[in-house]
N, C-alpha and C. Protein backbone atom coordinates (compact mmCIF):
# COMPACT_ATOMS: atom_id res chain seq x y z
N MET A 1 -17.02 -14.84 -5.97
CA MET A 1 -16.80 -14.61 -4.55
C MET A 1 -17.26 -13.18 -4.22
N SER A 2 -18.06 -13.05 -3.21
CA SER A 2 -18.58 -11.76 -2.80
C SER A 2 -17.48 -10.89 -2.20
N HIS A 3 -17.60 -9.58 -2.42
CA HIS A 3 -16.61 -8.67 -1.85
C HIS A 3 -16.62 -8.73 -0.33
N LYS A 4 -17.73 -9.19 0.27
CA LYS A 4 -17.78 -9.31 1.73
C LYS A 4 -16.79 -10.36 2.23
N GLN A 5 -16.47 -11.33 1.40
CA GLN A 5 -15.48 -12.34 1.77
C GLN A 5 -14.07 -11.77 1.77
N HIS A 6 -13.92 -10.63 1.14
CA HIS A 6 -12.61 -9.97 1.08
C HIS A 6 -12.54 -8.76 1.99
N GLN A 7 -13.46 -8.64 2.94
CA GLN A 7 -13.54 -7.42 3.75
C GLN A 7 -12.26 -7.15 4.52
N GLN A 8 -11.62 -8.18 5.06
CA GLN A 8 -10.36 -7.96 5.79
C GLN A 8 -9.29 -7.36 4.88
N LEU A 9 -9.21 -7.88 3.66
CA LEU A 9 -8.24 -7.35 2.70
C LEU A 9 -8.61 -5.92 2.32
N ILE A 10 -9.88 -5.66 2.08
CA ILE A 10 -10.31 -4.31 1.72
C ILE A 10 -9.95 -3.33 2.85
N ASP A 11 -10.14 -3.75 4.09
CA ASP A 11 -9.77 -2.91 5.23
C ASP A 11 -8.27 -2.65 5.26
N ALA A 12 -7.46 -3.68 5.01
CA ALA A 12 -6.00 -3.52 4.98
C ALA A 12 -5.58 -2.61 3.84
N LEU A 13 -6.24 -2.75 2.71
CA LEU A 13 -5.95 -1.89 1.56
C LEU A 13 -6.26 -0.43 1.91
N GLN A 14 -7.40 -0.21 2.55
CA GLN A 14 -7.78 1.16 2.93
C GLN A 14 -6.77 1.75 3.92
N ASP A 15 -6.35 0.96 4.90
CA ASP A 15 -5.35 1.43 5.86
C ASP A 15 -4.04 1.79 5.16
N CYS A 16 -3.67 0.99 4.18
CA CYS A 16 -2.43 1.23 3.44
C CYS A 16 -2.55 2.49 2.58
N ILE A 17 -3.69 2.69 1.96
CA ILE A 17 -3.92 3.90 1.16
C ILE A 17 -3.75 5.14 2.03
N VAL A 18 -4.37 5.14 3.20
CA VAL A 18 -4.30 6.28 4.11
C VAL A 18 -2.85 6.52 4.55
N ALA A 19 -2.16 5.45 4.93
CA ALA A 19 -0.77 5.58 5.39
C ALA A 19 0.14 6.09 4.27
N CYS A 20 -0.02 5.56 3.07
CA CYS A 20 0.81 5.99 1.94
C CYS A 20 0.54 7.44 1.57
N ASN A 21 -0.73 7.84 1.57
CA ASN A 21 -1.04 9.23 1.24
C ASN A 21 -0.50 10.18 2.30
N HIS A 22 -0.57 9.79 3.55
CA HIS A 22 -0.01 10.62 4.62
C HIS A 22 1.51 10.70 4.49
N CYS A 23 2.15 9.56 4.24
CA CYS A 23 3.60 9.52 4.09
C CYS A 23 4.04 10.38 2.90
N TYR A 24 3.35 10.23 1.80
CA TYR A 24 3.63 11.01 0.59
C TYR A 24 3.61 12.50 0.90
N ASP A 25 2.54 12.95 1.56
CA ASP A 25 2.40 14.37 1.88
C ASP A 25 3.49 14.82 2.85
N ALA A 26 3.75 14.02 3.87
CA ALA A 26 4.76 14.37 4.87
C ALA A 26 6.17 14.39 4.26
N CYS A 27 6.46 13.44 3.37
CA CYS A 27 7.77 13.41 2.72
C CYS A 27 8.02 14.67 1.89
N LEU A 28 6.98 15.16 1.25
CA LEU A 28 7.13 16.38 0.45
C LEU A 28 7.49 17.59 1.30
N LYS A 29 7.19 17.51 2.58
CA LYS A 29 7.46 18.62 3.50
C LYS A 29 8.78 18.46 4.26
N GLU A 30 9.47 17.35 4.02
CA GLU A 30 10.74 17.12 4.71
C GLU A 30 11.80 18.09 4.21
N GLU A 31 12.72 18.45 5.09
CA GLU A 31 13.78 19.41 4.76
C GLU A 31 14.64 18.92 3.60
N HIS A 32 14.96 17.64 3.59
CA HIS A 32 15.81 17.07 2.54
C HIS A 32 14.94 16.20 1.61
N VAL A 33 14.02 16.86 0.94
CA VAL A 33 13.05 16.15 0.10
C VAL A 33 13.72 15.33 -1.01
N GLN A 34 14.88 15.75 -1.46
CA GLN A 34 15.60 14.99 -2.50
C GLN A 34 15.90 13.57 -2.05
N MET A 35 16.15 13.39 -0.76
CA MET A 35 16.44 12.05 -0.24
C MET A 35 15.18 11.20 -0.15
N MET A 36 14.02 11.82 -0.32
CA MET A 36 12.75 11.12 -0.14
C MET A 36 12.08 10.76 -1.46
N THR A 37 12.73 11.02 -2.58
CA THR A 37 12.06 10.86 -3.88
C THR A 37 11.58 9.44 -4.13
N GLU A 38 12.38 8.44 -3.81
CA GLU A 38 11.95 7.06 -4.05
C GLU A 38 10.79 6.69 -3.12
N CYS A 39 10.83 7.16 -1.90
CA CYS A 39 9.75 6.93 -0.95
C CYS A 39 8.46 7.56 -1.49
N ILE A 40 8.55 8.79 -1.95
CA ILE A 40 7.39 9.50 -2.49
C ILE A 40 6.82 8.74 -3.69
N ARG A 41 7.70 8.34 -4.60
CA ARG A 41 7.24 7.62 -5.81
C ARG A 41 6.54 6.33 -5.43
N LEU A 42 7.12 5.57 -4.52
CA LEU A 42 6.52 4.29 -4.14
C LEU A 42 5.24 4.48 -3.31
N ASP A 43 5.18 5.56 -2.53
CA ASP A 43 3.92 5.86 -1.83
C ASP A 43 2.78 6.01 -2.83
N ARG A 44 3.06 6.71 -3.92
CA ARG A 44 2.02 6.92 -4.95
C ARG A 44 1.66 5.61 -5.64
N GLU A 45 2.67 4.84 -6.03
CA GLU A 45 2.42 3.55 -6.67
C GLU A 45 1.56 2.66 -5.79
N CYS A 46 1.93 2.61 -4.52
CA CYS A 46 1.27 1.73 -3.57
C CYS A 46 -0.18 2.17 -3.34
N ALA A 47 -0.39 3.45 -3.09
CA ALA A 47 -1.74 3.94 -2.86
C ALA A 47 -2.63 3.68 -4.08
N GLU A 48 -2.08 3.86 -5.26
CA GLU A 48 -2.86 3.66 -6.48
C GLU A 48 -3.25 2.19 -6.68
N ILE A 49 -2.31 1.26 -6.51
CA ILE A 49 -2.64 -0.15 -6.72
C ILE A 49 -3.58 -0.64 -5.63
N CYS A 50 -3.40 -0.17 -4.41
CA CYS A 50 -4.31 -0.57 -3.33
C CYS A 50 -5.72 -0.07 -3.61
N SER A 51 -5.82 1.15 -4.08
CA SER A 51 -7.13 1.72 -4.41
C SER A 51 -7.79 0.92 -5.54
N TYR A 52 -7.01 0.61 -6.56
CA TYR A 52 -7.55 -0.16 -7.67
C TYR A 52 -8.01 -1.55 -7.22
N LEU A 53 -7.19 -2.22 -6.43
CA LEU A 53 -7.56 -3.56 -5.96
C LEU A 53 -8.81 -3.51 -5.10
N ALA A 54 -8.91 -2.54 -4.21
CA ALA A 54 -10.11 -2.43 -3.37
C ALA A 54 -11.36 -2.27 -4.24
N GLN A 55 -11.27 -1.41 -5.24
CA GLN A 55 -12.40 -1.21 -6.14
C GLN A 55 -12.71 -2.49 -6.92
N ALA A 56 -11.69 -3.14 -7.41
CA ALA A 56 -11.87 -4.37 -8.18
C ALA A 56 -12.51 -5.46 -7.34
N LEU A 57 -12.10 -5.58 -6.09
CA LEU A 57 -12.70 -6.58 -5.20
C LEU A 57 -14.17 -6.28 -4.95
N CYS A 58 -14.51 -5.02 -4.84
CA CYS A 58 -15.92 -4.64 -4.66
C CYS A 58 -16.75 -4.95 -5.90
N ARG A 59 -16.10 -5.01 -7.05
CA ARG A 59 -16.77 -5.38 -8.31
C ARG A 59 -16.74 -6.89 -8.52
N ASP A 60 -16.15 -7.62 -7.60
CA ASP A 60 -16.02 -9.07 -7.70
C ASP A 60 -15.21 -9.47 -8.95
N THR A 61 -14.06 -8.83 -9.10
CA THR A 61 -13.20 -9.07 -10.25
C THR A 61 -12.78 -10.55 -10.36
N PRO A 62 -12.72 -11.06 -11.58
CA PRO A 62 -12.20 -12.42 -11.75
C PRO A 62 -10.67 -12.46 -11.68
N PHE A 63 -10.03 -11.30 -11.55
CA PHE A 63 -8.58 -11.21 -11.53
C PHE A 63 -8.04 -10.92 -10.13
N ALA A 64 -8.80 -11.25 -9.11
CA ALA A 64 -8.42 -10.94 -7.73
C ALA A 64 -7.03 -11.48 -7.38
N ALA A 65 -6.77 -12.72 -7.70
CA ALA A 65 -5.49 -13.33 -7.33
C ALA A 65 -4.32 -12.65 -8.04
N GLU A 66 -4.47 -12.37 -9.32
CA GLU A 66 -3.40 -11.73 -10.08
C GLU A 66 -3.14 -10.30 -9.58
N LEU A 67 -4.20 -9.55 -9.37
CA LEU A 67 -4.05 -8.18 -8.88
C LEU A 67 -3.47 -8.16 -7.47
N ALA A 68 -3.90 -9.09 -6.64
CA ALA A 68 -3.39 -9.17 -5.27
C ALA A 68 -1.89 -9.49 -5.26
N SER A 69 -1.45 -10.30 -6.20
CA SER A 69 -0.03 -10.63 -6.29
C SER A 69 0.79 -9.39 -6.64
N VAL A 70 0.34 -8.62 -7.60
CA VAL A 70 1.02 -7.39 -7.99
C VAL A 70 0.98 -6.40 -6.83
N CYS A 71 -0.17 -6.29 -6.19
CA CYS A 71 -0.32 -5.36 -5.06
C CYS A 71 0.64 -5.73 -3.93
N ALA A 72 0.75 -7.01 -3.63
CA ALA A 72 1.66 -7.45 -2.57
C ALA A 72 3.10 -7.04 -2.89
N ALA A 73 3.51 -7.21 -4.14
CA ALA A 73 4.88 -6.85 -4.54
C ALA A 73 5.13 -5.35 -4.37
N ILE A 74 4.16 -4.54 -4.77
CA ILE A 74 4.32 -3.09 -4.66
C ILE A 74 4.29 -2.66 -3.20
N CYS A 75 3.40 -3.25 -2.41
CA CYS A 75 3.34 -2.93 -0.98
C CYS A 75 4.66 -3.27 -0.29
N GLU A 76 5.24 -4.41 -0.64
CA GLU A 76 6.53 -4.79 -0.04
C GLU A 76 7.64 -3.83 -0.45
N ALA A 77 7.64 -3.43 -1.72
CA ALA A 77 8.66 -2.47 -2.18
C ALA A 77 8.51 -1.14 -1.44
N CYS A 78 7.29 -0.68 -1.29
CA CYS A 78 7.06 0.58 -0.58
C CYS A 78 7.45 0.44 0.89
N GLY A 79 7.05 -0.66 1.50
CA GLY A 79 7.41 -0.89 2.90
C GLY A 79 8.91 -0.95 3.11
N ASN A 80 9.60 -1.61 2.22
CA ASN A 80 11.07 -1.70 2.33
C ASN A 80 11.73 -0.33 2.19
N GLU A 81 11.21 0.49 1.28
CA GLU A 81 11.77 1.84 1.11
C GLU A 81 11.46 2.70 2.33
N CYS A 82 10.23 2.67 2.78
CA CYS A 82 9.85 3.49 3.94
C CYS A 82 10.63 3.09 5.18
N LYS A 83 10.89 1.80 5.32
CA LYS A 83 11.61 1.30 6.50
C LYS A 83 13.02 1.90 6.59
N LYS A 84 13.58 2.34 5.46
CA LYS A 84 14.92 2.92 5.44
C LYS A 84 14.98 4.29 6.11
N HIS A 85 13.83 4.94 6.25
CA HIS A 85 13.78 6.31 6.77
C HIS A 85 13.28 6.29 8.21
N GLU A 86 13.86 7.15 9.03
CA GLU A 86 13.55 7.17 10.46
C GLU A 86 12.29 7.95 10.80
N HIS A 87 11.75 8.68 9.85
CA HIS A 87 10.57 9.50 10.12
C HIS A 87 9.41 8.61 10.59
N GLU A 88 8.66 9.10 11.55
CA GLU A 88 7.54 8.33 12.09
C GLU A 88 6.53 7.99 11.00
N HIS A 89 6.26 8.94 10.11
CA HIS A 89 5.28 8.68 9.05
C HIS A 89 5.77 7.57 8.12
N CYS A 90 7.06 7.47 7.89
CA CYS A 90 7.61 6.40 7.06
C CYS A 90 7.50 5.05 7.77
N GLN A 91 7.79 5.03 9.05
CA GLN A 91 7.71 3.78 9.81
C GLN A 91 6.27 3.26 9.88
N LYS A 92 5.32 4.17 10.08
CA LYS A 92 3.90 3.77 10.11
C LYS A 92 3.45 3.29 8.74
N CYS A 93 3.93 3.93 7.72
CA CYS A 93 3.60 3.53 6.35
C CYS A 93 4.17 2.14 6.06
N ALA A 94 5.40 1.92 6.45
CA ALA A 94 6.01 0.60 6.24
C ALA A 94 5.19 -0.49 6.91
N ASP A 95 4.76 -0.26 8.15
CA ASP A 95 3.95 -1.24 8.86
C ASP A 95 2.65 -1.54 8.12
N ALA A 96 1.98 -0.49 7.66
CA ALA A 96 0.72 -0.66 6.93
C ALA A 96 0.95 -1.41 5.62
N CYS A 97 2.05 -1.09 4.96
CA CYS A 97 2.38 -1.75 3.69
C CYS A 97 2.64 -3.24 3.88
N PHE A 98 3.41 -3.58 4.91
CA PHE A 98 3.71 -5.00 5.16
C PHE A 98 2.46 -5.77 5.56
N LYS A 99 1.58 -5.17 6.35
CA LYS A 99 0.31 -5.83 6.72
C LYS A 99 -0.55 -6.04 5.48
N CYS A 100 -0.59 -5.05 4.63
CA CYS A 100 -1.38 -5.16 3.41
C CYS A 100 -0.80 -6.23 2.48
N ALA A 101 0.50 -6.27 2.36
CA ALA A 101 1.15 -7.29 1.51
C ALA A 101 0.79 -8.68 2.00
N GLU A 102 0.81 -8.89 3.32
CA GLU A 102 0.46 -10.20 3.87
C GLU A 102 -0.99 -10.55 3.57
N ALA A 103 -1.88 -9.57 3.70
CA ALA A 103 -3.30 -9.81 3.41
C ALA A 103 -3.49 -10.13 1.92
N CYS A 104 -2.75 -9.45 1.06
CA CYS A 104 -2.84 -9.72 -0.39
C CYS A 104 -2.36 -11.14 -0.71
N LYS A 105 -1.30 -11.57 -0.06
CA LYS A 105 -0.74 -12.89 -0.33
C LYS A 105 -1.71 -14.01 0.00
N LYS A 106 -2.64 -13.76 0.89
CA LYS A 106 -3.62 -14.79 1.26
C LYS A 106 -4.56 -15.13 0.12
N ILE A 107 -4.75 -14.21 -0.81
CA ILE A 107 -5.64 -14.51 -1.95
C ILE A 107 -4.87 -14.61 -3.26
N ALA A 108 -3.59 -14.25 -3.24
CA ALA A 108 -2.80 -14.25 -4.48
C ALA A 108 -2.53 -15.68 -4.95
């Protein structure tokens, strides 16, 4: 399957990477950074798996479904954690994560 057939997912992955990286950076600058540690950790996990999946899809990986399943789980975990925090960057990150998880589930 050509990576062009996965373009919507690749776009969602890219949006999620950007949102997670922004959230990660913003969380580190929060006054009570100790309360943000799980959010920060999951932002990194999520950005990394999304980046890997996007690259793998561009290589036409034979493991697209398996990787997408793992990515969806991590995106949901990150989205659920970010949703707990009222910061705008966390809320935007949660939205991007949930959209990405849904896009991943379509090929998982």
